[in-house]
Structure formats: C-alpha cells, structure tokens
Amino acid sequence: MAYKICIPAEGNIETGVITKWHVKVGDTVFAGDPILEVETDKTSFSVESFCDATILGIIKHEGDEVPVLEMIGFMGEPGETIDDVIGL
C-alpha cells in the first residue's frame, strides 16, 4: 500500500518550505529515518518516515513552499504508483 508524504501540522503552522530532501526516488527508508527538512517562519524541523518503505515519488522540491498536509511525495512497495496512494 502506498502512502502520502506530507508536511505535518506542527503547532499552528500553515505552510512550510522544503529546505532539503534526504532521500531520492528508489531509496529504502525505515521508520524514524529523516526524509526531509522543513522551515517555517517560526521553526525548522525534520520529517521522519513513519514506516519502512521505498520512496516512490517526489512531487514538491527544495525551495517549494507547501501547505501543511498537502502531499509532497509518496512511498510504499516498489512498483506502486501514485494511483495507489490512500485518499486519491
């Protein structure tokens, strides 16, 4: 099953800027691995993987400002597509 990668709602932020992706498409990640860095007007933080998976797609890139909870990438089992992401 494929899953969305989103900027989580940390505190009362509305948007965040992706400052660094630590992964690329095809990388394997494990729960707790940092996958990207986000900066807001108030703080900076890492977004960690919530499961063991393969990075299947990156939709938003470094420098992009993105609303929280908007999909910025997706991960899952090799071969899955964006159509397999929950909620689409």
Protein backbone atom coordinates (compact mmCIF):
# COMPACT_ATOMS: atom_id res chain seq x y z
CA MET A 1 0.00 0.00 0.00
CA ALA A 2 1.33 3.44 -0.94
CA TYR A 3 1.29 6.37 1.49
CA LYS A 4 1.41 10.14 1.15
CA ILE A 5 4.40 12.10 2.40
CA CYS A 6 3.14 15.43 3.80
CA ILE A 7 4.44 18.31 5.89
CA PRO A 8 2.85 17.54 9.26
CA ALA A 9 0.79 20.08 11.15
CA GLU A 10 3.36 21.14 13.77
CA GLY A 11 1.82 23.61 16.22
CA ASN A 12 -0.13 26.27 14.36
CA ILE A 13 1.87 26.47 11.11
CA GLU A 14 0.02 26.77 7.81
CA THR A 15 2.87 26.33 5.33
CA GLY A 16 6.45 25.16 5.27
CA VAL A 17 9.37 25.45 2.86
CA ILE A 18 11.16 22.25 1.90
CA THR A 19 14.81 23.04 2.56
CA LYS A 20 16.36 19.61 2.00
CA TRP A 21 15.30 16.17 0.82
CA HIS A 22 17.50 13.50 2.44
CA VAL A 23 16.17 10.82 0.06
CA LYS A 24 15.64 10.29 -3.65
CA VAL A 25 13.22 8.12 -5.62
CA GLY A 26 14.12 4.46 -5.16
CA ASP A 27 15.69 4.86 -1.72
CA THR A 28 14.63 2.50 1.05
CA VAL A 29 13.69 4.17 4.33
CA PHE A 30 12.88 2.77 7.73
CA ALA A 31 10.51 4.11 10.38
CA GLY A 32 12.20 7.03 12.12
CA ASP A 33 14.62 7.86 9.29
CA PRO A 34 14.71 11.59 8.47
CA ILE A 35 13.43 12.11 4.93
CA LEU A 36 13.31 15.90 4.61
CA GLU A 37 13.86 19.22 6.37
CA VAL A 38 11.17 21.91 6.60
CA GLU A 39 11.46 25.55 7.59
CA THR A 40 8.63 27.85 8.67
CA ASP A 41 8.59 31.45 9.80
CA LYS A 42 8.89 30.18 13.39
CA THR A 43 10.93 26.95 13.34
CA SER A 44 12.80 24.30 11.39
CA PHE A 45 12.25 20.57 11.79
CA SER A 46 12.87 17.17 10.25
CA VAL A 47 10.10 14.99 8.84
CA GLU A 48 10.72 11.32 9.59
CA SER A 49 9.42 8.25 7.84
CA PHE A 50 6.51 6.70 9.71
CA CYS A 51 7.08 3.22 8.21
CA ASP A 52 9.54 1.01 6.35
CA ALA A 53 9.09 1.73 2.63
CA THR A 54 10.61 2.74 -0.69
CA ILE A 55 10.43 6.36 -1.87
CA LEU A 56 8.24 6.12 -4.99
CA GLY A 57 7.84 9.76 -5.96
CA ILE A 58 8.75 13.31 -5.02
CA ILE A 59 6.21 15.91 -6.11
CA LYS A 60 7.45 19.09 -4.39
CA HIS A 61 11.10 20.10 -4.41
CA GLU A 62 13.62 22.01 -2.31
CA GLY A 63 12.59 25.66 -2.11
CA ASP A 64 8.89 24.95 -2.61
CA GLU A 65 6.50 26.44 -0.06
CA VAL A 66 3.75 23.94 0.67
CA PRO A 67 0.60 23.99 2.83
CA VAL A 68 0.70 21.51 5.71
CA LEU A 69 -0.88 18.13 4.98
CA GLU A 70 -0.56 18.61 1.19
CA MET A 71 1.06 15.62 -0.49
CA ILE A 72 4.71 16.33 -1.37
CA GLY A 73 5.72 12.79 -2.23
CA PHE A 74 4.72 9.18 -1.74
CA MET A 75 6.23 5.93 -0.59
CA GLY A 76 5.29 2.27 -0.44
CA GLU A 77 6.24 -1.01 -2.05
CA PRO A 78 8.34 -0.98 -5.24
CA GLY A 79 6.12 -0.84 -8.31
CA GLU A 80 3.23 1.02 -6.69
CA THR A 81 2.07 4.21 -8.38
CA ILE A 82 0.55 7.48 -7.26
CA ASP A 83 -2.87 5.96 -8.07
CA ASP A 84 -2.28 3.53 -5.19
CA VAL A 85 -1.93 6.31 -2.60
CA ILE A 86 -4.64 6.31 0.07
CA GLY A 87 -7.16 9.10 -0.43
CA LEU A 88 -6.73 9.63 -4.17
